[in-house]
Amino acid sequence: MSTAQETLISIDCGTQSLRIIIFGEDGTVLAKCQIIYKPYTSPREGWAEQDPEIWWNALCKGVADIKSKYPDLIANAKGLGVTAQRDTVIFLGKEGQILRPAITWLDTRKAYGPYKPNPLMKAIYSIAGVYEKIVHAQSNGQCNWVQENEPDTWINTWKVVMVSGFLQYRLTGMIADSPSSLVGHIPFDHKKQQWAGPGHITSKIFPIEHDKLCEVVESGKPIGKISNLAAELTGLPAGIPVIACGSDKACETLGMGCLSADVASLSFGTTAGVEICTDRYIEPSRILPAYSAAVPKHWVPEIEIFRGYWMISWFKNELGYEERIKAIETGQIPEEIMDKLLDSSPPGCFGLMLQPYWGANLRNHYAKGAIIGFGDVHGRHAIYRAIIEGLAYSLREGLEQLEKRTGIPVKTIAVSGGAAQSNRICGITADILKRPLVRGVTTETSALGAAILTAFGTGLYPSINKAVKNMVRTEHIFPPAPDHQALYDGLYKIYRQIYPALKNAYKQIQEVTGYPS
C-alpha cells in the first residue's frame, strides 16, 4: 500500500458503538476502530437517554487509535462523511452547549401532543384510517415531550439536531444535515426533501420553530471543513471537507449497491428492515413517509422491525451462556458458535413460530412478541431458530408490501448488518424469501455508503452511480433451497394470521398492565 494513497474517512455512529472506518478509493477497508458504549441510560422506566459527549469522545478516541497505528491513512484523507442512527434528538443552547441528554429512538416516554383536530378533520382522519396513527405518532415526539415537560429547556434551545448533525457541528462549526439524515419525529417533508411548510401534517404534530432547525444540504455536497479546533481535539487534518451523507439505513442501502426498486436492501441490525430505492415518492403505507435516500431526488420506502436482530443479543444474554463461555475459550464470536444451534432443529422447528414484535410501531400500536407452538421436542436451539425464521417471515411480509406499493417485483436482495456475517442466517432467510441473497465484501455497508458519497463529493468519481460501480463488490450469493419452499410457504400463511388473532389480546394486556405506556 502506497503511503500516498488518498483515503476516505467514514464515521458510523450507532446505538451501541461508534466506528471509524478508512476506505480506499476502490471501497477497500484499510483500517477501522470500534468504540463500544452502553446504548442508553434509563433514569425512569421506558426512558432511553444518552449523553452526546459519549459519541464525541468515542469519535476522538477512535481517530486517535487509528492515527497511532496508521498515521498516513489519516494524513492522506480526501474527505470525511458521517452516518448515524436516526430519530435521536439533541438539544443545543445558543453557545452550542448540550442542554440535556439526547432522547434516543429507543425511548418510549409519551407526550400528549399539540395537534387536536376539529371534529370534521377527526372524522376525515378516522374514515381514512389514519387518526390513531396521528395520535400515536405525535405522542412519540421527543420535542413534543420536552415542550410539555421541560419548557425552560425548550426556551433555551438554539438548535434541535440529530446525531449526525451534532457530530458535524462539532467537526465543522456548521449546523447542517442531509435530507436522508433528518428522519424522526420532526417537521420534515420527505416528499419535497425540505422542512415542512406550516400546513403540512408533520408541522402540526411536530411543531418546531423554524429558527431552531438546521440547514438542509443535499447528500454528496460539502457541509464544511474540519475546523482548527476540531483538528486539535480529534487529530483529523484541518481543512478537509465534511460531506453530507445520510442516515445509517439509507447509507447502508447505498453501500449495498441498491439503486433501483428491483433490488432490495435487508438490514440485519438492531432494527431490522427492508428497503428499496426509487426515483418516485411512494409511501410504504398510509401516513408513513418514504424517507429521503442518500441519493438526491430518490427515496427509500421501508418496512421496519423494531429491535429486530437485537433479539440475537437478547438470546445470547438470556439463554446463550454456554456459547458465551465457549466464545471466551476459543476466541470466536458467540454468533458463530450459535450457528450450530440453527442446525439442531429442522426447517420450520416442528411448528414453533415466533412473531418478532418486541415493541409497538406505527402500524401495530399494541404489538408484543409471541412464541407459539411449543412441544416437548423444543429446547433452546428451537427458540433460536424460531427467532431467525420469525424475523425472516416478517421481512418477507414487508418485502411483499413494498412490491405491492411499487408494482415492481424484487429480483435480488442485498443483505448487511451484524447478523449477515452468519451464513446460516443468510441461507434461512433466502429460503423464506424465495429469492437469492447477496452479501458484499464488507459488512460495514453504512460506512461504505458514506464513503461513496464522500468520494463523489470530493471529486474522486463524477457521479454516485460511478462510485457505486467501483466501490461495491459482492462476496457471496445465497440461493434459496427449493426443498424448503413448500414448508416455509405453508408456515408463512400461518404466520400472517398470528397478529390479527392476538391483536385484541395485546390491546387488553396493555389496558390491564399499562405496558407499553
Protein backbone atom coordinates (compact mmCIF):
# COMPACT_ATOMS: atom_id res chain seq x y z
CA MET A 1 0.00 0.00 0.00
CA SER A 2 1.41 3.34 -1.05
CA THR A 3 1.60 5.96 1.67
CA ALA A 4 0.40 8.50 -0.92
CA GLN A 5 -2.92 6.72 -1.47
CA GLU A 6 -5.87 9.06 -0.93
CA THR A 7 -8.32 7.78 1.65
CA LEU A 8 -11.92 8.35 2.72
CA ILE A 9 -12.92 8.54 6.39
CA SER A 10 -16.36 7.34 7.49
CA ILE A 11 -17.81 7.94 10.96
CA ASP A 12 -20.63 5.48 11.68
CA CYS A 13 -22.32 6.34 14.98
CA GLY A 14 -24.71 3.57 16.01
CA THR A 15 -26.79 2.76 19.05
CA GLN A 16 -24.21 0.53 20.72
CA SER A 17 -20.92 1.65 19.19
CA LEU A 18 -19.15 4.20 17.02
CA ARG A 19 -16.86 3.04 14.23
CA ILE A 20 -14.16 4.94 12.40
CA ILE A 21 -13.52 3.24 9.07
CA ILE A 22 -10.91 4.24 6.49
CA PHE A 23 -11.63 3.25 2.90
CA GLY A 24 -9.52 3.29 -0.23
CA GLU A 25 -10.83 4.75 -3.48
CA ASP A 26 -11.99 1.28 -4.56
CA GLY A 27 -14.08 0.69 -1.41
CA THR A 28 -11.48 -1.49 0.32
CA VAL A 29 -11.45 -1.24 4.12
CA LEU A 30 -7.94 -0.12 5.06
CA ALA A 31 -8.42 0.32 8.80
CA LYS A 32 -11.16 0.55 11.37
CA CYS A 33 -11.71 1.09 15.05
CA GLN A 34 -14.86 0.36 17.03
CA ILE A 35 -15.61 2.09 20.33
CA ILE A 36 -18.35 0.30 22.28
CA TYR A 37 -20.54 2.06 24.80
CA LYS A 38 -23.71 1.43 26.76
CA PRO A 39 -26.56 2.18 24.33
CA TYR A 40 -28.54 4.32 26.76
CA THR A 41 -29.38 5.08 30.37
CA SER A 42 -32.87 4.87 31.85
CA PRO A 43 -33.45 7.49 34.57
CA ARG A 44 -37.08 6.36 34.54
CA GLU A 45 -38.88 3.29 33.25
CA GLY A 46 -39.21 3.45 29.48
CA TRP A 47 -36.71 6.27 29.06
CA ALA A 48 -33.66 5.79 26.84
CA GLU A 49 -31.24 8.71 27.02
CA GLN A 50 -27.62 9.16 26.04
CA ASP A 51 -25.02 11.81 26.80
CA PRO A 52 -23.92 13.14 23.37
CA GLU A 53 -20.41 13.62 24.74
CA ILE A 54 -20.11 9.82 24.70
CA TRP A 55 -20.42 9.88 20.90
CA TRP A 56 -17.98 12.76 20.53
CA ASN A 57 -15.43 11.19 22.89
CA ALA A 58 -15.75 7.89 21.01
CA LEU A 59 -15.02 9.72 17.75
CA CYS A 60 -11.92 11.36 19.21
CA LYS A 61 -10.71 8.09 20.74
CA GLY A 62 -11.30 6.11 17.54
CA VAL A 63 -9.42 8.58 15.34
CA ALA A 64 -6.53 8.65 17.82
CA ASP A 65 -6.35 4.84 17.81
CA ILE A 66 -6.16 4.62 14.01
CA LYS A 67 -3.77 7.56 13.77
CA SER A 68 -1.36 5.90 16.22
CA LYS A 69 -1.20 2.79 14.00
CA TYR A 70 -1.71 4.18 10.50
CA PRO A 71 -0.87 7.90 10.54
CA ASP A 72 -0.66 8.10 6.74
CA LEU A 73 -4.26 6.91 6.33
CA ILE A 74 -5.45 9.89 8.36
CA ALA A 75 -2.99 12.35 6.84
CA ASN A 76 -3.98 11.42 3.26
CA ALA A 77 -7.72 11.73 3.82
CA LYS A 78 -9.53 13.26 0.87
CA GLY A 79 -12.65 13.90 2.94
CA LEU A 80 -14.92 12.66 5.70
CA GLY A 81 -18.56 11.61 5.93
CA VAL A 82 -20.84 10.92 8.91
CA THR A 83 -23.67 8.40 9.02
CA ALA A 84 -25.62 7.80 12.21
CA GLN A 85 -28.64 6.35 13.97
CA ARG A 86 -31.95 8.02 13.24
CA ASP A 87 -34.66 9.62 15.38
CA THR A 88 -32.34 10.54 18.24
CA VAL A 89 -32.69 14.19 19.22
CA ILE A 90 -30.12 16.54 20.75
CA PHE A 91 -30.93 19.97 22.18
CA LEU A 92 -28.21 22.62 21.85
CA GLY A 93 -28.05 26.00 23.58
CA LYS A 94 -27.00 29.21 21.83
CA GLU A 95 -23.33 28.61 22.67
CA GLY A 96 -23.57 25.13 21.18
CA GLN A 97 -23.72 23.51 24.61
CA ILE A 98 -25.74 20.36 25.29
CA LEU A 99 -28.83 21.28 27.33
CA ARG A 100 -29.97 17.80 28.33
CA PRO A 101 -29.23 14.15 27.46
CA ALA A 102 -30.27 13.10 23.97
CA ILE A 103 -33.60 11.30 23.74
CA THR A 104 -32.89 8.22 21.62
CA TRP A 105 -35.05 6.28 19.21
CA LEU A 106 -35.46 3.54 21.84
CA ASP A 107 -37.21 5.89 24.27
CA THR A 108 -40.88 5.09 24.96
CA ARG A 109 -41.99 8.11 27.03
CA LYS A 110 -45.18 9.70 25.75
CA ALA A 111 -46.26 13.28 25.10
CA TYR A 112 -49.86 14.47 24.90
CA GLY A 113 -49.13 16.08 21.55
CA PRO A 114 -50.12 19.55 20.39
CA TYR A 115 -52.45 18.75 17.50
CA LYS A 116 -56.13 18.44 18.35
CA PRO A 117 -58.05 18.23 15.06
CA ASN A 118 -61.51 19.72 14.98
CA PRO A 119 -64.47 17.29 14.78
CA LEU A 120 -64.64 17.48 10.98
CA MET A 121 -60.92 16.73 10.50
CA LYS A 122 -61.07 14.00 13.15
CA ALA A 123 -63.93 12.36 11.23
CA ILE A 124 -61.99 12.64 7.96
CA TYR A 125 -58.85 11.13 9.53
CA SER A 126 -60.92 8.34 11.09
CA ILE A 127 -62.62 7.46 7.80
CA ALA A 128 -59.19 7.42 6.12
CA GLY A 129 -57.95 5.08 8.86
CA VAL A 130 -55.12 7.37 9.98
CA TYR A 131 -56.44 9.10 13.11
CA GLU A 132 -54.91 6.58 15.53
CA LYS A 133 -51.61 6.79 13.64
CA ILE A 134 -51.56 10.58 14.01
CA VAL A 135 -52.26 10.36 17.75
CA HIS A 136 -49.66 7.64 18.18
CA ALA A 137 -47.02 9.47 16.13
CA GLN A 138 -47.25 12.80 17.93
CA SER A 139 -47.22 11.11 21.33
CA ASN A 140 -43.76 9.77 20.42
CA GLY A 141 -42.33 13.18 19.51
CA GLN A 142 -39.27 13.90 21.67
CA CYS A 143 -39.60 17.66 21.09
CA ASN A 144 -43.28 17.48 21.99
CA TRP A 145 -42.35 15.90 25.31
CA VAL A 146 -39.68 18.50 26.07
CA GLN A 147 -42.05 21.36 25.25
CA GLU A 148 -44.65 19.89 27.61
CA ASN A 149 -42.41 18.76 30.47
CA GLU A 150 -39.22 20.85 30.30
CA PRO A 151 -40.37 24.24 28.97
CA ASP A 152 -37.20 26.00 30.17
CA THR A 153 -35.08 23.58 28.15
CA TRP A 154 -37.17 24.32 25.09
CA ILE A 155 -36.97 28.09 25.54
CA ASN A 156 -33.17 27.84 25.83
CA THR A 157 -32.84 25.54 22.81
CA TRP A 158 -30.97 27.21 19.96
CA LYS A 159 -30.94 24.23 17.60
CA VAL A 160 -32.52 20.77 17.50
CA VAL A 161 -30.19 18.32 15.76
CA MET A 162 -29.88 14.63 15.07
CA VAL A 163 -26.73 12.63 15.94
CA SER A 164 -25.13 13.24 12.54
CA GLY A 165 -25.91 16.96 12.79
CA PHE A 166 -24.32 17.11 16.26
CA LEU A 167 -21.09 15.43 15.17
CA GLN A 168 -20.91 17.53 12.00
CA TYR A 169 -21.36 20.67 14.11
CA ARG A 170 -18.52 19.63 16.39
CA LEU A 171 -16.31 18.92 13.36
CA THR A 172 -17.08 21.99 11.26
CA GLY A 173 -18.96 24.55 13.35
CA MET A 174 -21.84 24.35 10.83
CA ILE A 175 -25.40 23.40 11.77
CA ALA A 176 -26.47 21.38 8.74
CA ASP A 177 -27.59 17.90 7.74
CA SER A 178 -28.77 15.95 4.72
CA PRO A 179 -32.45 15.15 3.96
CA SER A 180 -31.63 11.48 4.42
CA SER A 181 -30.40 12.09 7.98
CA LEU A 182 -33.48 14.07 9.02
CA VAL A 183 -35.59 11.05 9.90
CA GLY A 184 -37.57 11.20 13.10
CA HIS A 185 -40.44 12.91 14.85
CA ILE A 186 -39.65 16.29 13.31
CA PRO A 187 -41.41 18.55 10.78
CA PHE A 188 -39.63 17.36 7.67
CA ASP A 189 -41.32 16.92 4.30
CA HIS A 190 -39.54 13.97 2.71
CA LYS A 191 -41.55 14.22 -0.49
CA LYS A 192 -40.07 17.68 -1.14
CA GLN A 193 -36.87 16.86 0.79
CA GLN A 194 -37.08 20.09 2.79
CA TRP A 195 -38.50 21.39 6.05
CA ALA A 196 -42.29 21.18 6.03
CA GLY A 197 -44.46 24.22 5.49
CA PRO A 198 -46.97 25.36 8.15
CA GLY A 199 -49.89 23.43 6.63
CA HIS A 200 -48.06 20.10 6.41
CA ILE A 201 -49.23 17.38 8.80
CA THR A 202 -45.73 16.98 10.31
CA SER A 203 -45.66 20.70 11.18
CA LYS A 204 -48.95 20.23 13.01
CA ILE A 205 -47.98 17.16 15.01
CA PHE A 206 -44.26 18.01 15.49
CA PRO A 207 -44.15 21.81 15.72
CA ILE A 208 -40.65 23.31 15.96
CA GLU A 209 -39.83 26.97 15.38
CA HIS A 210 -38.04 27.38 12.06
CA ASP A 211 -35.03 29.13 13.61
CA LYS A 212 -34.36 26.03 15.74
CA LEU A 213 -33.92 23.86 12.62
CA CYS A 214 -30.69 23.11 10.77
CA GLU A 215 -29.74 23.96 7.20
CA VAL A 216 -30.52 21.17 4.71
CA VAL A 217 -27.61 20.13 2.47
CA GLU A 218 -28.01 17.63 -0.36
CA SER A 219 -26.20 14.30 0.08
CA GLY A 220 -22.83 14.39 -1.66
CA LYS A 221 -22.39 18.14 -1.11
CA PRO A 222 -19.94 19.67 1.39
CA ILE A 223 -21.25 20.82 4.78
CA GLY A 224 -18.00 22.50 5.79
CA LYS A 225 -14.39 21.73 6.61
CA ILE A 226 -12.67 20.29 9.66
CA SER A 227 -12.07 23.32 11.87
CA ASN A 228 -8.78 24.04 13.58
CA LEU A 229 -10.39 23.34 16.96
CA ALA A 230 -11.80 20.00 15.77
CA ALA A 231 -8.42 19.09 14.28
CA GLU A 232 -6.76 19.79 17.62
CA LEU A 233 -9.32 17.74 19.56
CA THR A 234 -9.59 14.79 17.16
CA GLY A 235 -6.28 14.57 15.31
CA LEU A 236 -8.04 14.88 11.96
CA PRO A 237 -6.38 17.07 9.31
CA ALA A 238 -7.70 20.63 9.43
CA GLY A 239 -9.41 21.82 6.29
CA ILE A 240 -10.53 18.53 4.76
CA PRO A 241 -14.18 18.63 3.62
CA VAL A 242 -17.02 17.05 5.58
CA ILE A 243 -19.57 15.75 3.06
CA ALA A 244 -23.32 15.48 3.75
CA CYS A 245 -24.20 11.78 3.72
CA GLY A 246 -27.30 10.18 5.22
CA SER A 247 -28.78 8.06 7.96
CA ASP A 248 -27.37 4.63 8.75
CA LYS A 249 -30.21 2.86 6.93
CA ALA A 250 -30.03 5.00 3.79
CA CYS A 251 -26.23 4.75 3.61
CA GLU A 252 -26.49 1.01 4.20
CA THR A 253 -28.81 0.69 1.20
CA LEU A 254 -26.40 2.73 -0.93
CA GLY A 255 -23.41 0.76 0.37
CA MET A 256 -25.06 -2.44 -0.84
CA GLY A 257 -25.41 -1.01 -4.34
CA CYS A 258 -29.22 -0.75 -4.26
CA LEU A 259 -30.05 1.99 -6.76
CA SER A 260 -33.33 0.72 -8.22
CA ALA A 261 -36.61 -0.77 -6.98
CA ASP A 262 -35.91 -4.30 -8.25
CA VAL A 263 -33.03 -4.69 -5.78
CA ALA A 264 -33.99 -4.67 -2.10
CA SER A 265 -31.82 -3.97 0.89
CA LEU A 266 -32.19 -6.12 4.01
CA SER A 267 -30.77 -4.78 7.24
CA PHE A 268 -29.85 -7.39 9.83
CA GLY A 269 -29.21 -4.79 12.51
CA THR A 270 -30.59 -3.70 15.88
CA THR A 271 -33.62 -2.58 13.92
CA ALA A 272 -34.25 -4.99 11.07
CA GLY A 273 -35.74 -3.66 7.88
CA VAL A 274 -36.30 -3.99 4.18
CA GLU A 275 -35.84 -1.04 1.84
CA ILE A 276 -35.85 -0.28 -1.84
CA CYS A 277 -34.52 2.80 -3.64
CA THR A 278 -36.79 4.54 -6.11
CA ASP A 279 -36.87 7.77 -8.12
CA ARG A 280 -40.61 8.09 -7.32
CA TYR A 281 -42.07 9.09 -3.97
CA ILE A 282 -44.04 6.02 -2.86
CA GLU A 283 -45.24 5.73 0.73
CA PRO A 284 -44.91 2.19 2.14
CA SER A 285 -48.26 2.67 3.91
CA ARG A 286 -50.69 5.49 4.61
CA ILE A 287 -49.17 8.42 6.55
CA LEU A 288 -45.82 6.60 6.79
CA PRO A 289 -43.45 8.60 4.56
CA ALA A 290 -40.91 7.25 2.15
CA TYR A 291 -37.72 8.68 3.65
CA SER A 292 -35.17 10.53 1.58
CA ALA A 293 -32.50 8.30 0.08
CA ALA A 294 -28.79 9.02 0.32
CA VAL A 295 -29.03 9.58 -3.44
CA PRO A 296 -30.51 13.04 -4.17
CA LYS A 297 -34.05 13.11 -5.60
CA HIS A 298 -34.56 9.47 -4.62
CA TRP A 299 -36.49 7.83 -1.79
CA VAL A 300 -36.23 4.65 0.26
CA PRO A 301 -39.66 3.22 1.18
CA GLU A 302 -39.04 0.84 4.05
CA ILE A 303 -40.68 -1.55 6.47
CA GLU A 304 -39.00 -1.85 9.87
CA ILE A 305 -38.99 -4.46 12.61
CA PHE A 306 -38.32 -2.62 15.85
CA ARG A 307 -35.46 -4.27 17.76
CA GLY A 308 -35.20 -6.89 15.01
CA TYR A 309 -31.84 -8.65 15.24
CA TRP A 310 -31.39 -7.21 18.72
CA MET A 311 -33.20 -10.46 19.56
CA ILE A 312 -29.98 -12.32 18.83
CA SER A 313 -28.30 -10.30 21.58
CA TRP A 314 -31.28 -10.97 23.82
CA PHE A 315 -30.98 -14.72 23.23
CA LYS A 316 -27.22 -14.64 23.72
CA ASN A 317 -27.53 -12.76 27.02
CA GLU A 318 -30.53 -14.62 28.41
CA LEU A 319 -30.17 -18.17 27.04
CA GLY A 320 -26.71 -18.34 25.46
CA TYR A 321 -24.47 -18.79 28.48
CA GLU A 322 -22.77 -21.89 27.04
CA GLU A 323 -21.99 -20.11 23.78
CA ARG A 324 -20.62 -17.05 25.56
CA ILE A 325 -18.28 -19.19 27.66
CA LYS A 326 -17.12 -21.15 24.60
CA ALA A 327 -16.51 -17.87 22.76
CA ILE A 328 -14.19 -16.72 25.54
CA GLU A 329 -12.34 -20.05 25.49
CA THR A 330 -11.94 -20.26 21.70
CA GLY A 331 -11.73 -16.61 20.67
CA GLN A 332 -14.70 -16.99 18.32
CA ILE A 333 -17.61 -14.57 18.36
CA PRO A 334 -20.70 -16.06 20.10
CA GLU A 335 -22.83 -15.66 16.96
CA GLU A 336 -20.57 -18.07 15.04
CA ILE A 337 -20.97 -20.69 17.75
CA MET A 338 -24.72 -20.07 17.89
CA ASP A 339 -24.94 -21.03 14.20
CA LYS A 340 -24.68 -24.63 15.37
CA LEU A 341 -27.95 -24.21 17.26
CA LEU A 342 -29.68 -23.48 13.95
CA ASP A 343 -28.75 -26.94 12.67
CA SER A 344 -30.10 -28.64 15.80
CA SER A 345 -33.68 -28.03 14.66
CA PRO A 346 -35.11 -28.75 11.20
CA PRO A 347 -36.60 -26.08 8.93
CA GLY A 348 -39.88 -24.97 10.48
CA CYS A 349 -38.81 -26.01 14.00
CA PHE A 350 -41.60 -28.62 14.22
CA GLY A 351 -44.12 -25.78 14.20
CA LEU A 352 -42.51 -23.46 16.76
CA MET A 353 -43.18 -19.95 15.46
CA LEU A 354 -42.17 -16.52 16.67
CA GLN A 355 -43.76 -13.15 15.95
CA PRO A 356 -40.89 -10.64 16.35
CA TYR A 357 -42.84 -7.62 17.59
CA TRP A 358 -40.59 -6.83 20.54
CA GLY A 359 -42.03 -3.32 20.50
CA ALA A 360 -45.04 -1.44 19.20
CA ASN A 361 -44.79 0.51 15.97
CA LEU A 362 -46.79 2.94 13.86
CA ARG A 363 -48.70 0.15 12.14
CA ASN A 364 -49.24 -2.11 15.16
CA HIS A 365 -49.74 0.10 18.22
CA TYR A 366 -50.25 -2.66 20.79
CA ALA A 367 -47.92 -5.27 19.35
CA LYS A 368 -45.96 -7.62 21.57
CA GLY A 369 -43.75 -10.58 20.86
CA ALA A 370 -45.24 -14.06 20.77
CA ILE A 371 -43.88 -17.59 20.56
CA ILE A 372 -46.45 -20.27 19.80
CA GLY A 373 -46.43 -23.98 19.07
CA PHE A 374 -44.30 -25.23 21.98
CA GLY A 375 -43.97 -29.00 22.40
CA ASP A 376 -41.69 -31.42 24.21
CA VAL A 377 -39.29 -31.52 21.23
CA HIS A 378 -38.41 -27.84 21.63
CA GLY A 379 -35.39 -26.59 23.52
CA ARG A 380 -33.01 -23.63 23.40
CA HIS A 381 -31.95 -24.47 19.87
CA ALA A 382 -35.53 -24.38 18.61
CA ILE A 383 -36.16 -20.99 20.20
CA TYR A 384 -33.10 -19.58 18.45
CA ARG A 385 -34.11 -20.95 15.06
CA ALA A 386 -37.68 -19.69 15.61
CA ILE A 387 -36.26 -16.20 16.20
CA ILE A 388 -34.37 -16.28 12.90
CA GLU A 389 -37.31 -17.73 10.96
CA GLY A 390 -39.78 -15.31 12.56
CA LEU A 391 -37.65 -12.34 11.55
CA ALA A 392 -37.46 -13.69 8.00
CA TYR A 393 -41.25 -14.12 7.83
CA SER A 394 -41.68 -10.52 8.95
CA LEU A 395 -39.14 -9.30 6.37
CA ARG A 396 -40.98 -11.27 3.66
CA GLU A 397 -44.22 -9.60 4.71
CA GLY A 398 -42.56 -6.19 4.41
CA LEU A 399 -40.98 -7.05 1.07
CA GLU A 400 -44.30 -8.14 -0.40
CA GLN A 401 -45.91 -4.93 0.84
CA LEU A 402 -43.25 -2.82 -0.90
CA GLU A 403 -43.65 -4.81 -4.13
CA LYS A 404 -47.40 -4.24 -3.99
CA ARG A 405 -46.95 -0.49 -3.45
CA THR A 406 -44.40 -0.03 -6.24
CA GLY A 407 -45.72 -2.61 -8.70
CA ILE A 408 -42.11 -3.71 -9.27
CA PRO A 409 -41.03 -7.27 -8.37
CA VAL A 410 -37.80 -7.55 -6.41
CA LYS A 411 -35.36 -9.89 -8.12
CA THR A 412 -32.32 -9.67 -5.87
CA ILE A 413 -31.86 -8.88 -2.19
CA ALA A 414 -28.65 -7.42 -0.75
CA VAL A 415 -28.03 -8.08 2.93
CA SER A 416 -25.91 -6.38 5.56
CA GLY A 417 -25.68 -5.83 9.30
CA GLY A 418 -24.08 -7.82 12.09
CA ALA A 419 -26.21 -10.95 11.66
CA ALA A 420 -25.41 -11.01 7.93
CA GLN A 421 -21.99 -12.40 8.85
CA SER A 422 -23.75 -15.70 9.58
CA ASN A 423 -24.01 -17.93 6.50
CA ARG A 424 -26.74 -19.95 8.17
CA ILE A 425 -28.91 -16.91 8.92
CA CYS A 426 -28.47 -15.70 5.33
CA GLY A 427 -29.36 -19.15 3.97
CA ILE A 428 -32.51 -19.50 6.09
CA THR A 429 -33.63 -16.00 5.10
CA ALA A 430 -33.09 -16.72 1.39
CA ASP A 431 -35.21 -19.87 1.74
CA ILE A 432 -38.11 -18.00 3.34
CA LEU A 433 -37.93 -15.00 0.97
CA LYS A 434 -37.59 -17.34 -2.04
CA ARG A 435 -35.00 -15.08 -3.62
CA PRO A 436 -31.21 -15.03 -3.70
CA LEU A 437 -29.44 -13.01 -1.02
CA VAL A 438 -26.27 -11.15 -1.96
CA ARG A 439 -23.66 -10.24 0.66
CA GLY A 440 -20.97 -7.69 -0.04
CA VAL A 441 -17.25 -7.97 0.64
CA THR A 442 -17.60 -5.69 3.66
CA THR A 443 -20.28 -5.83 6.31
CA GLU A 444 -19.60 -2.14 7.02
CA THR A 445 -22.13 -1.07 4.43
CA SER A 446 -23.41 2.06 6.18
CA ALA A 447 -19.85 3.35 6.37
CA LEU A 448 -19.25 2.30 2.76
CA GLY A 449 -22.34 4.27 1.70
CA ALA A 450 -20.91 7.33 3.44
CA ALA A 451 -17.56 6.72 1.73
CA ILE A 452 -19.30 6.52 -1.66
CA LEU A 453 -20.89 9.92 -1.06
CA THR A 454 -17.59 11.32 0.20
CA ALA A 455 -15.80 10.00 -2.90
CA PHE A 456 -18.38 11.70 -5.12
CA GLY A 457 -18.45 14.88 -3.07
CA THR A 458 -14.68 15.29 -3.19
CA GLY A 459 -14.47 14.65 -6.93
CA LEU A 460 -12.95 11.16 -6.93
CA TYR A 461 -15.88 10.00 -9.08
CA PRO A 462 -18.09 12.05 -11.42
CA SER A 463 -21.35 10.52 -10.16
CA ILE A 464 -22.75 8.46 -7.29
CA ASN A 465 -23.57 5.65 -9.74
CA LYS A 466 -19.94 5.56 -10.91
CA ALA A 467 -18.73 5.47 -7.30
CA VAL A 468 -21.09 2.56 -6.53
CA LYS A 469 -19.89 0.64 -9.58
CA ASN A 470 -16.26 0.97 -8.49
CA MET A 471 -16.63 0.61 -4.72
CA VAL A 472 -19.32 -2.07 -4.11
CA ARG A 473 -18.32 -5.70 -4.62
CA THR A 474 -20.15 -8.99 -3.96
CA GLU A 475 -18.59 -11.60 -1.69
CA HIS A 476 -21.23 -14.36 -1.59
CA ILE A 477 -24.62 -15.27 -3.07
CA PHE A 478 -27.10 -17.40 -1.10
CA PRO A 479 -29.65 -19.06 -3.41
CA PRO A 480 -32.93 -20.30 -1.89
CA ALA A 481 -33.17 -24.06 -1.33
CA PRO A 482 -36.16 -25.40 -3.35
CA ASP A 483 -36.65 -28.33 -0.94
CA HIS A 484 -37.78 -26.00 1.84
CA GLN A 485 -40.07 -23.64 -0.05
CA ALA A 486 -43.34 -25.59 0.27
CA LEU A 487 -42.85 -25.91 4.04
CA TYR A 488 -41.97 -22.26 4.52
CA ASP A 489 -44.82 -21.10 2.26
CA GLY A 490 -47.29 -23.02 4.41
CA LEU A 491 -45.87 -21.69 7.66
CA TYR A 492 -45.75 -18.14 6.27
CA LYS A 493 -49.51 -18.25 5.66
CA ILE A 494 -49.97 -19.25 9.30
CA TYR A 495 -47.51 -16.57 10.46
CA ARG A 496 -49.62 -13.87 8.80
CA GLN A 497 -52.60 -14.93 10.93
CA ILE A 498 -50.81 -14.56 14.28
CA TYR A 499 -51.02 -10.79 14.75
CA PRO A 500 -54.67 -10.46 13.68
CA ALA A 501 -55.56 -13.34 16.02
CA LEU A 502 -53.72 -11.82 19.01
CA LYS A 503 -54.26 -8.11 18.35
CA ASN A 504 -57.19 -7.72 20.75
CA ALA A 505 -55.39 -9.72 23.43
CA TYR A 506 -52.36 -7.41 23.11
CA LYS A 507 -54.62 -4.36 23.49
CA GLN A 508 -56.26 -5.83 26.59
CA ILE A 509 -52.85 -6.65 28.09
CA GLN A 510 -51.83 -3.03 27.60
CA GLU A 511 -55.02 -1.79 29.24
CA VAL A 512 -54.55 -4.06 32.27
CA THR A 513 -50.80 -3.60 32.77
CA GLY A 514 -50.24 -0.14 31.31
CA TYR A 515 -47.31 -1.53 29.29
CA PRO A 516 -46.30 -0.30 26.82
CA SER A 517 -47.38 3.11 28.11
